[in-house]
Amino acid sequence: VNDSPVGQDSWPDALYDKLRSMDISLFTYVPDAGHSAMIGRALADPEVVTVPLATEEEGVSLLAGAHLGGTRGALLMQSSGVGNCINMLSLTNIGRFPLVSIVSMRGDYGEQNPWQFPMGQGAQPCLEAMGTICQRIETPDEVLPAAEAAVNMAYRSDQSVALLLSQRLIGAKPF
């Protein structure tokens, strides 16, 4: 996988463009500052469907149904939302449905909110315990190759794959 380098400020747009180039046309999300650029792009794109969720687990079943209808999608969520998905991830295991999750991480590098640490630190172990393959992204140069690998693994091999966008990449928040 060869992609040109991506700058610190341009990686969200590059990630969105990569996902679109790989036929991702459905974006499900719970509003999150870490995904605001991608959500904004999806909302402005007349060729995609966006579905705001009340809870992250809804995205898992929605994307399974979309796959059955021939549509590729991605679930955008914060690490705190991973806990809401644990039971529903059994659907991807038993049904062999592809799932691409893009998780903005909290509770790691530079975190200042103590409430974000428990699920921020627990997100990857929880996802892995449910059979989700996790790829942690720390730098802009890792974004495009990881996204391409995740979509290929999910949609060619019926796997659940999560891209974990670290706070080194997205920036630590003071709230």
N, C-alpha and C. Protein backbone atom coordinates (compact mmCIF):
# COMPACT_ATOMS: atom_id res chain seq x y z
N VAL A 1 0.85 -1.17 0.00
CA VAL A 1 0.00 0.00 0.00
C VAL A 1 0.89 1.23 0.00
N ASN A 2 0.85 1.99 -1.07
CA ASN A 2 1.62 3.22 -1.15
C ASN A 2 0.70 4.41 -1.29
N ASP A 3 0.80 5.32 -0.36
CA ASP A 3 0.06 6.57 -0.41
C ASP A 3 1.04 7.68 -0.07
N SER A 4 0.84 8.84 -0.67
CA SER A 4 1.73 9.95 -0.38
C SER A 4 1.53 10.41 1.06
N PRO A 5 2.54 11.06 1.63
CA PRO A 5 2.44 11.50 3.02
C PRO A 5 1.26 12.44 3.24
N VAL A 6 0.71 12.35 4.44
CA VAL A 6 -0.44 13.16 4.82
C VAL A 6 -0.01 14.08 5.96
N GLY A 7 -0.38 15.35 5.89
CA GLY A 7 -0.01 16.31 6.91
C GLY A 7 -0.88 16.22 8.15
N GLN A 8 -0.42 16.83 9.22
CA GLN A 8 -1.13 16.79 10.50
C GLN A 8 -2.54 17.36 10.39
N ASP A 9 -2.72 18.39 9.58
CA ASP A 9 -4.04 19.02 9.47
C ASP A 9 -4.91 18.41 8.39
N SER A 10 -4.33 17.67 7.47
CA SER A 10 -5.09 17.18 6.32
C SER A 10 -5.51 15.72 6.43
N TRP A 11 -5.08 15.01 7.46
CA TRP A 11 -5.39 13.57 7.51
C TRP A 11 -6.89 13.27 7.58
N PRO A 12 -7.75 14.07 8.25
CA PRO A 12 -9.17 13.70 8.24
C PRO A 12 -9.77 13.72 6.83
N ASP A 13 -9.41 14.73 6.04
CA ASP A 13 -9.90 14.79 4.66
C ASP A 13 -9.33 13.65 3.84
N ALA A 14 -8.05 13.35 4.03
CA ALA A 14 -7.43 12.25 3.29
C ALA A 14 -8.08 10.92 3.67
N LEU A 15 -8.40 10.74 4.95
CA LEU A 15 -9.06 9.51 5.39
C LEU A 15 -10.44 9.40 4.77
N TYR A 16 -11.19 10.47 4.78
CA TYR A 16 -12.52 10.45 4.16
C TYR A 16 -12.41 10.09 2.68
N ASP A 17 -11.49 10.74 1.97
CA ASP A 17 -11.32 10.46 0.54
C ASP A 17 -10.91 9.01 0.30
N LYS A 18 -10.06 8.46 1.16
CA LYS A 18 -9.65 7.05 1.02
C LYS A 18 -10.85 6.14 1.20
N LEU A 19 -11.64 6.38 2.23
CA LEU A 19 -12.82 5.55 2.47
C LEU A 19 -13.79 5.62 1.30
N ARG A 20 -14.01 6.81 0.78
CA ARG A 20 -14.91 6.96 -0.37
C ARG A 20 -14.35 6.25 -1.60
N SER A 21 -13.03 6.31 -1.80
CA SER A 21 -12.43 5.63 -2.95
C SER A 21 -12.55 4.12 -2.85
N MET A 22 -12.82 3.62 -1.65
CA MET A 22 -12.99 2.18 -1.43
C MET A 22 -14.46 1.82 -1.26
N ASP A 23 -15.32 2.65 -1.81
CA ASP A 23 -16.77 2.42 -1.88
C ASP A 23 -17.49 2.46 -0.54
N ILE A 24 -16.93 3.12 0.46
CA ILE A 24 -17.67 3.36 1.69
C ILE A 24 -18.65 4.49 1.39
N SER A 25 -19.94 4.19 1.48
CA SER A 25 -20.95 5.18 1.13
C SER A 25 -22.01 5.38 2.22
N LEU A 26 -21.78 4.78 3.38
CA LEU A 26 -22.68 4.93 4.52
C LEU A 26 -21.83 5.21 5.75
N PHE A 27 -22.11 6.32 6.41
CA PHE A 27 -21.39 6.69 7.62
C PHE A 27 -22.39 6.78 8.77
N THR A 28 -22.19 5.93 9.78
CA THR A 28 -23.01 5.97 10.98
C THR A 28 -22.15 6.56 12.10
N TYR A 29 -22.78 7.35 12.97
CA TYR A 29 -21.97 8.04 13.97
C TYR A 29 -22.81 8.54 15.13
N VAL A 30 -22.16 8.67 16.27
CA VAL A 30 -22.64 9.48 17.37
C VAL A 30 -21.77 10.73 17.32
N PRO A 31 -22.34 11.93 17.32
CA PRO A 31 -21.53 13.14 17.18
C PRO A 31 -20.34 13.15 18.15
N ASP A 32 -19.17 13.55 17.62
CA ASP A 32 -17.93 13.51 18.38
C ASP A 32 -16.96 14.53 17.78
N ALA A 33 -16.31 15.31 18.63
CA ALA A 33 -15.35 16.31 18.15
C ALA A 33 -14.22 15.67 17.36
N GLY A 34 -13.78 14.48 17.75
CA GLY A 34 -12.69 13.81 17.06
C GLY A 34 -13.03 13.39 15.64
N HIS A 35 -14.30 13.30 15.34
CA HIS A 35 -14.75 12.92 13.99
C HIS A 35 -15.45 14.07 13.27
N SER A 36 -15.38 15.27 13.80
CA SER A 36 -16.17 16.37 13.25
C SER A 36 -15.86 16.65 11.78
N ALA A 37 -14.60 16.57 11.38
CA ALA A 37 -14.25 16.84 9.98
C ALA A 37 -14.85 15.77 9.06
N MET A 38 -14.72 14.51 9.45
CA MET A 38 -15.27 13.44 8.61
C MET A 38 -16.79 13.47 8.59
N ILE A 39 -17.41 13.74 9.72
CA ILE A 39 -18.87 13.84 9.75
C ILE A 39 -19.33 14.99 8.86
N GLY A 40 -18.65 16.11 8.94
CA GLY A 40 -18.98 17.25 8.09
C GLY A 40 -18.86 16.93 6.61
N ARG A 41 -17.79 16.23 6.25
CA ARG A 41 -17.62 15.83 4.84
C ARG A 41 -18.73 14.90 4.41
N ALA A 42 -19.08 13.94 5.26
CA ALA A 42 -20.13 12.98 4.91
C ALA A 42 -21.48 13.68 4.76
N LEU A 43 -21.78 14.60 5.66
CA LEU A 43 -23.05 15.32 5.58
C LEU A 43 -23.15 16.17 4.31
N ALA A 44 -22.02 16.68 3.84
CA ALA A 44 -22.00 17.53 2.65
C ALA A 44 -21.93 16.75 1.34
N ASP A 45 -21.69 15.45 1.42
CA ASP A 45 -21.49 14.62 0.23
C ASP A 45 -22.83 14.05 -0.23
N PRO A 46 -23.33 14.47 -1.39
CA PRO A 46 -24.63 13.97 -1.84
C PRO A 46 -24.63 12.49 -2.25
N GLU A 47 -23.45 11.90 -2.34
CA GLU A 47 -23.36 10.50 -2.77
C GLU A 47 -23.29 9.51 -1.61
N VAL A 48 -23.37 10.01 -0.38
CA VAL A 48 -23.33 9.11 0.77
C VAL A 48 -24.57 9.28 1.62
N VAL A 49 -24.80 8.28 2.44
CA VAL A 49 -25.88 8.32 3.43
C VAL A 49 -25.22 8.45 4.80
N THR A 50 -25.72 9.36 5.61
CA THR A 50 -25.24 9.50 6.98
C THR A 50 -26.39 9.18 7.92
N VAL A 51 -26.06 8.45 8.98
CA VAL A 51 -27.07 8.09 9.97
C VAL A 51 -26.54 8.42 11.36
N PRO A 52 -27.09 9.48 11.97
CA PRO A 52 -26.72 9.75 13.36
C PRO A 52 -27.38 8.71 14.26
N LEU A 53 -26.64 8.26 15.24
CA LEU A 53 -27.10 7.18 16.12
C LEU A 53 -27.41 7.71 17.52
N ALA A 54 -28.35 7.07 18.19
CA ALA A 54 -28.60 7.38 19.60
C ALA A 54 -27.56 6.70 20.47
N THR A 55 -27.11 5.52 20.05
CA THR A 55 -26.06 4.78 20.74
C THR A 55 -25.25 4.02 19.70
N GLU A 56 -23.98 3.83 19.98
CA GLU A 56 -23.06 3.26 19.01
C GLU A 56 -23.43 1.86 18.57
N GLU A 57 -24.03 1.07 19.45
CA GLU A 57 -24.36 -0.31 19.09
C GLU A 57 -25.34 -0.37 17.92
N GLU A 58 -26.16 0.65 17.75
CA GLU A 58 -27.09 0.68 16.61
C GLU A 58 -26.33 0.62 15.29
N GLY A 59 -25.15 1.20 15.26
CA GLY A 59 -24.35 1.21 14.05
C GLY A 59 -23.90 -0.16 13.62
N VAL A 60 -23.63 -1.04 14.57
CA VAL A 60 -23.18 -2.40 14.24
C VAL A 60 -24.26 -3.13 13.46
N SER A 61 -25.49 -3.14 13.97
CA SER A 61 -26.56 -3.86 13.28
C SER A 61 -26.98 -3.15 12.00
N LEU A 62 -26.96 -1.82 12.00
CA LEU A 62 -27.30 -1.07 10.79
C LEU A 62 -26.32 -1.40 9.67
N LEU A 63 -25.03 -1.46 9.99
CA LEU A 63 -24.03 -1.76 8.97
C LEU A 63 -24.10 -3.22 8.52
N ALA A 64 -24.50 -4.12 9.40
CA ALA A 64 -24.70 -5.52 8.98
C ALA A 64 -25.83 -5.59 7.96
N GLY A 65 -26.93 -4.90 8.23
CA GLY A 65 -28.03 -4.86 7.28
C GLY A 65 -27.65 -4.20 5.97
N ALA A 66 -26.89 -3.13 6.05
CA ALA A 66 -26.43 -2.45 4.83
C ALA A 66 -25.59 -3.39 3.98
N HIS A 67 -24.72 -4.16 4.65
CA HIS A 67 -23.89 -5.12 3.92
C HIS A 67 -24.75 -6.14 3.18
N LEU A 68 -25.80 -6.63 3.83
CA LEU A 68 -26.70 -7.58 3.17
C LEU A 68 -27.35 -6.95 1.94
N GLY A 69 -27.52 -5.64 1.95
CA GLY A 69 -28.09 -4.93 0.81
C GLY A 69 -27.05 -4.46 -0.19
N GLY A 70 -25.78 -4.80 0.03
CA GLY A 70 -24.74 -4.46 -0.93
C GLY A 70 -24.06 -3.12 -0.71
N THR A 71 -24.22 -2.53 0.45
CA THR A 71 -23.63 -1.22 0.75
C THR A 71 -22.50 -1.37 1.75
N ARG A 72 -21.41 -0.65 1.49
CA ARG A 72 -20.29 -0.61 2.43
C ARG A 72 -20.41 0.62 3.32
N GLY A 73 -20.12 0.44 4.59
CA GLY A 73 -20.21 1.57 5.51
C GLY A 73 -19.15 1.53 6.59
N ALA A 74 -19.15 2.57 7.41
CA ALA A 74 -18.21 2.67 8.53
C ALA A 74 -18.93 3.26 9.73
N LEU A 75 -18.53 2.82 10.91
CA LEU A 75 -19.05 3.31 12.18
C LEU A 75 -18.01 4.23 12.80
N LEU A 76 -18.39 5.49 13.02
CA LEU A 76 -17.51 6.47 13.65
C LEU A 76 -17.94 6.62 15.10
N MET A 77 -16.99 6.44 16.02
CA MET A 77 -17.33 6.56 17.44
C MET A 77 -16.11 6.93 18.26
N GLN A 78 -16.36 7.40 19.48
CA GLN A 78 -15.31 7.67 20.45
C GLN A 78 -15.07 6.40 21.27
N SER A 79 -13.90 6.30 21.87
CA SER A 79 -13.57 5.12 22.66
C SER A 79 -14.60 4.85 23.76
N SER A 80 -15.22 5.89 24.31
CA SER A 80 -16.23 5.66 25.35
C SER A 80 -17.44 4.91 24.80
N GLY A 81 -17.69 4.99 23.50
CA GLY A 81 -18.79 4.29 22.88
C GLY A 81 -18.54 2.82 22.63
N VAL A 82 -17.28 2.40 22.70
CA VAL A 82 -16.96 0.99 22.49
C VAL A 82 -17.71 0.13 23.50
N GLY A 83 -17.79 0.59 24.74
CA GLY A 83 -18.49 -0.18 25.76
C GLY A 83 -19.95 -0.43 25.43
N ASN A 84 -20.55 0.48 24.67
CA ASN A 84 -21.95 0.30 24.27
C ASN A 84 -22.12 -0.75 23.19
N CYS A 85 -21.05 -1.15 22.54
CA CYS A 85 -21.12 -2.06 21.38
C CYS A 85 -20.80 -3.52 21.70
N ILE A 86 -20.30 -3.79 22.88
CA ILE A 86 -19.72 -5.11 23.16
C ILE A 86 -20.68 -6.25 22.83
N ASN A 87 -21.89 -6.23 23.34
CA ASN A 87 -22.82 -7.32 23.07
C ASN A 87 -23.15 -7.41 21.58
N MET A 88 -23.37 -6.29 20.93
CA MET A 88 -23.75 -6.30 19.52
C MET A 88 -22.62 -6.79 18.63
N LEU A 89 -21.38 -6.69 19.07
CA LEU A 89 -20.27 -7.20 18.26
C LEU A 89 -20.35 -8.71 18.07
N SER A 90 -21.12 -9.40 18.90
CA SER A 90 -21.30 -10.84 18.68
C SER A 90 -21.99 -11.09 17.34
N LEU A 91 -22.78 -10.12 16.86
CA LEU A 91 -23.43 -10.24 15.56
C LEU A 91 -22.40 -10.37 14.44
N THR A 92 -21.32 -9.59 14.52
CA THR A 92 -20.30 -9.68 13.47
C THR A 92 -19.56 -11.01 13.54
N ASN A 93 -19.38 -11.53 14.74
CA ASN A 93 -18.69 -12.83 14.89
C ASN A 93 -19.52 -13.97 14.34
N ILE A 94 -20.74 -14.09 14.79
CA ILE A 94 -21.58 -15.22 14.42
C ILE A 94 -22.06 -15.09 12.98
N GLY A 95 -22.42 -13.88 12.56
CA GLY A 95 -22.93 -13.68 11.21
C GLY A 95 -21.86 -13.47 10.16
N ARG A 96 -20.59 -13.37 10.58
CA ARG A 96 -19.48 -13.11 9.67
C ARG A 96 -19.73 -11.88 8.81
N PHE A 97 -20.20 -10.81 9.47
CA PHE A 97 -20.43 -9.55 8.77
C PHE A 97 -19.17 -8.69 8.84
N PRO A 98 -18.84 -8.00 7.78
CA PRO A 98 -17.72 -7.06 7.84
C PRO A 98 -18.12 -5.83 8.65
N LEU A 99 -17.17 -5.27 9.36
CA LEU A 99 -17.42 -4.04 10.11
C LEU A 99 -16.14 -3.22 10.14
N VAL A 100 -16.24 -1.97 9.70
CA VAL A 100 -15.14 -1.02 9.83
C VAL A 100 -15.57 0.02 10.85
N SER A 101 -14.84 0.06 11.96
CA SER A 101 -15.08 1.07 13.01
C SER A 101 -13.89 2.01 13.04
N ILE A 102 -14.17 3.28 13.17
CA ILE A 102 -13.12 4.28 13.31
C ILE A 102 -13.34 4.94 14.65
N VAL A 103 -12.40 4.70 15.56
CA VAL A 103 -12.57 5.06 16.97
C VAL A 103 -11.62 6.19 17.34
N SER A 104 -12.17 7.33 17.71
CA SER A 104 -11.34 8.42 18.23
C SER A 104 -11.07 8.10 19.70
N MET A 105 -9.81 7.95 20.02
CA MET A 105 -9.43 7.49 21.35
C MET A 105 -9.38 8.64 22.35
N ARG A 106 -9.76 8.33 23.56
CA ARG A 106 -9.59 9.20 24.72
C ARG A 106 -8.88 8.36 25.77
N GLY A 107 -8.42 9.01 26.83
CA GLY A 107 -7.79 8.28 27.92
C GLY A 107 -6.39 7.78 27.61
N ASP A 108 -5.74 8.41 26.62
CA ASP A 108 -4.34 8.05 26.37
C ASP A 108 -3.52 9.33 26.30
N TYR A 109 -2.57 9.44 25.45
CA TYR A 109 -1.59 10.51 25.38
C TYR A 109 -2.18 11.90 25.64
N GLY A 110 -1.77 12.51 26.73
CA GLY A 110 -2.15 13.88 27.04
C GLY A 110 -3.55 14.08 27.60
N GLU A 111 -4.26 13.01 27.90
CA GLU A 111 -5.64 13.13 28.40
C GLU A 111 -5.67 13.93 29.69
N GLN A 112 -6.65 14.83 29.82
CA GLN A 112 -6.80 15.66 31.00
C GLN A 112 -8.12 15.44 31.74
N ASN A 113 -8.96 14.57 31.22
CA ASN A 113 -10.25 14.31 31.83
C ASN A 113 -10.22 12.91 32.47
N PRO A 114 -10.25 12.82 33.80
CA PRO A 114 -10.13 11.51 34.44
C PRO A 114 -11.25 10.54 34.07
N TRP A 115 -12.41 11.05 33.69
CA TRP A 115 -13.53 10.18 33.33
C TRP A 115 -13.30 9.44 32.02
N GLN A 116 -12.36 9.89 31.23
CA GLN A 116 -12.10 9.25 29.93
C GLN A 116 -11.12 8.08 30.02
N PHE A 117 -10.40 7.95 31.13
CA PHE A 117 -9.38 6.90 31.22
C PHE A 117 -9.93 5.48 31.23
N PRO A 118 -10.94 5.15 32.02
CA PRO A 118 -11.35 3.74 32.08
C PRO A 118 -11.70 3.14 30.72
N MET A 119 -12.59 3.75 29.97
CA MET A 119 -12.96 3.16 28.69
C MET A 119 -11.90 3.42 27.63
N GLY A 120 -11.18 4.55 27.76
CA GLY A 120 -10.09 4.80 26.83
C GLY A 120 -9.03 3.72 26.90
N GLN A 121 -8.70 3.30 28.11
CA GLN A 121 -7.71 2.23 28.28
C GLN A 121 -8.32 0.85 28.00
N GLY A 122 -9.62 0.72 28.18
CA GLY A 122 -10.27 -0.57 27.99
C GLY A 122 -10.79 -0.84 26.60
N ALA A 123 -10.83 0.16 25.74
CA ALA A 123 -11.44 -0.01 24.42
C ALA A 123 -10.76 -1.10 23.60
N GLN A 124 -9.45 -1.02 23.44
CA GLN A 124 -8.77 -2.02 22.60
C GLN A 124 -8.90 -3.43 23.17
N PRO A 125 -8.65 -3.66 24.47
CA PRO A 125 -8.83 -5.02 24.99
C PRO A 125 -10.26 -5.53 24.82
N CYS A 126 -11.25 -4.66 25.01
CA CYS A 126 -12.65 -5.08 24.83
C CYS A 126 -12.93 -5.46 23.38
N LEU A 127 -12.48 -4.63 22.45
CA LEU A 127 -12.68 -4.93 21.03
C LEU A 127 -12.01 -6.24 20.65
N GLU A 128 -10.78 -6.41 21.10
CA GLU A 128 -10.04 -7.64 20.77
C GLU A 128 -10.70 -8.86 21.39
N ALA A 129 -11.24 -8.72 22.60
CA ALA A 129 -11.92 -9.85 23.24
C ALA A 129 -13.15 -10.28 22.44
N MET A 130 -13.74 -9.36 21.69
CA MET A 130 -14.91 -9.67 20.87
C MET A 130 -14.53 -10.03 19.43
N GLY A 131 -13.23 -10.22 19.18
CA GLY A 131 -12.79 -10.66 17.86
C GLY A 131 -12.53 -9.56 16.86
N THR A 132 -12.52 -8.33 17.29
CA THR A 132 -12.24 -7.21 16.39
C THR A 132 -10.73 -7.02 16.27
N ILE A 133 -10.26 -6.89 15.05
CA ILE A 133 -8.85 -6.61 14.77
C ILE A 133 -8.64 -5.11 14.95
N CYS A 134 -7.68 -4.73 15.78
CA CYS A 134 -7.44 -3.31 16.05
C CYS A 134 -6.13 -2.85 15.41
N GLN A 135 -6.19 -1.69 14.78
CA GLN A 135 -5.01 -1.05 14.22
C GLN A 135 -4.92 0.34 14.83
N ARG A 136 -3.91 0.56 15.64
CA ARG A 136 -3.73 1.85 16.31
C ARG A 136 -2.95 2.78 15.39
N ILE A 137 -3.44 4.00 15.22
CA ILE A 137 -2.81 4.99 14.35
C ILE A 137 -2.29 6.13 15.22
N GLU A 138 -0.98 6.36 15.14
CA GLU A 138 -0.33 7.39 15.96
C GLU A 138 0.08 8.62 15.16
N THR A 139 0.33 8.46 13.85
CA THR A 139 0.84 9.57 13.04
C THR A 139 0.04 9.69 11.74
N PRO A 140 0.04 10.88 11.13
CA PRO A 140 -0.68 11.06 9.87
C PRO A 140 -0.23 10.11 8.76
N ASP A 141 1.05 9.77 8.73
CA ASP A 141 1.55 8.88 7.68
C ASP A 141 0.96 7.47 7.76
N GLU A 142 0.44 7.09 8.91
CA GLU A 142 -0.15 5.76 9.08
C GLU A 142 -1.62 5.70 8.66
N VAL A 143 -2.26 6.85 8.49
CA VAL A 143 -3.71 6.90 8.29
C VAL A 143 -4.14 6.16 7.03
N LEU A 144 -3.61 6.52 5.88
CA LEU A 144 -4.09 5.95 4.62
C LEU A 144 -3.77 4.47 4.47
N PRO A 145 -2.54 4.02 4.76
CA PRO A 145 -2.30 2.58 4.66
C PRO A 145 -3.17 1.77 5.62
N ALA A 146 -3.37 2.28 6.83
CA ALA A 146 -4.20 1.56 7.80
C ALA A 146 -5.66 1.52 7.35
N ALA A 147 -6.15 2.61 6.79
CA ALA A 147 -7.54 2.63 6.31
C ALA A 147 -7.73 1.64 5.17
N GLU A 148 -6.81 1.62 4.24
CA GLU A 148 -6.92 0.68 3.12
C GLU A 148 -6.87 -0.76 3.62
N ALA A 149 -5.95 -1.03 4.53
CA ALA A 149 -5.85 -2.38 5.09
C ALA A 149 -7.13 -2.77 5.83
N ALA A 150 -7.69 -1.85 6.60
CA ALA A 150 -8.90 -2.14 7.38
C ALA A 150 -10.08 -2.46 6.47
N VAL A 151 -10.29 -1.64 5.45
CA VAL A 151 -11.42 -1.87 4.55
C VAL A 151 -11.24 -3.19 3.81
N ASN A 152 -10.03 -3.46 3.36
CA ASN A 152 -9.78 -4.74 2.66
C ASN A 152 -10.00 -5.93 3.57
N MET A 153 -9.48 -5.87 4.80
CA MET A 153 -9.67 -6.98 5.73
C MET A 153 -11.15 -7.18 6.04
N ALA A 154 -11.86 -6.10 6.27
CA ALA A 154 -13.27 -6.21 6.62
C ALA A 154 -14.09 -6.75 5.46
N TYR A 155 -13.98 -6.13 4.31
CA TYR A 155 -14.90 -6.45 3.22
C TYR A 155 -14.44 -7.59 2.32
N ARG A 156 -13.19 -7.97 2.37
CA ARG A 156 -12.75 -9.14 1.60
C ARG A 156 -12.71 -10.41 2.44
N SER A 157 -12.62 -10.25 3.75
CA SER A 157 -12.49 -11.42 4.63
C SER A 157 -13.57 -11.48 5.71
N ASP A 158 -14.58 -10.62 5.61
CA ASP A 158 -15.68 -10.60 6.58
C ASP A 158 -15.19 -10.52 8.02
N GLN A 159 -14.37 -9.52 8.29
CA GLN A 159 -13.82 -9.30 9.62
C GLN A 159 -14.33 -8.00 10.21
N SER A 160 -14.30 -7.91 11.52
CA SER A 160 -14.54 -6.66 12.23
C SER A 160 -13.17 -6.04 12.48
N VAL A 161 -12.98 -4.82 11.98
CA VAL A 161 -11.69 -4.14 12.09
C VAL A 161 -11.93 -2.73 12.63
N ALA A 162 -11.12 -2.33 13.60
CA ALA A 162 -11.23 -0.99 14.17
C ALA A 162 -9.93 -0.23 13.98
N LEU A 163 -10.05 0.98 13.45
CA LEU A 163 -8.93 1.91 13.40
C LEU A 163 -9.01 2.76 14.66
N LEU A 164 -8.00 2.70 15.49
CA LEU A 164 -7.97 3.45 16.74
C LEU A 164 -7.13 4.71 16.52
N LEU A 165 -7.79 5.85 16.45
CA LEU A 165 -7.12 7.13 16.20
C LEU A 165 -6.64 7.69 17.53
N SER A 166 -5.34 7.57 17.79
CA SER A 166 -4.80 7.97 19.09
C SER A 166 -4.85 9.48 19.28
N GLN A 167 -4.72 9.90 20.53
CA GLN A 167 -4.68 11.33 20.83
C GLN A 167 -3.40 11.97 20.33
N ARG A 168 -2.35 11.20 20.08
CA ARG A 168 -1.16 11.75 19.42
C ARG A 168 -1.54 12.25 18.03
N LEU A 169 -2.44 11.55 17.38
CA LEU A 169 -2.89 11.93 16.04
C LEU A 169 -3.94 13.03 16.10
N ILE A 170 -4.99 12.84 16.89
CA ILE A 170 -6.13 13.77 16.88
C ILE A 170 -5.94 14.97 17.80
N GLY A 171 -5.01 14.86 18.74
CA GLY A 171 -4.79 15.93 19.70
C GLY A 171 -5.54 15.69 20.99
N ALA A 172 -4.86 15.89 22.10
CA ALA A 172 -5.49 15.73 23.41
C ALA A 172 -6.44 16.89 23.66
N LYS A 173 -7.54 16.58 24.31
CA LYS A 173 -8.55 17.60 24.60
C LYS A 173 -8.52 17.96 26.09
N PRO A 174 -8.77 19.22 26.42
CA PRO A 174 -8.77 19.62 27.83
C PRO A 174 -10.10 19.36 28.53
N PHE A 175 -11.08 18.78 27.83
CA PHE A 175 -12.40 18.55 28.42
C PHE A 175 -12.69 17.07 28.53
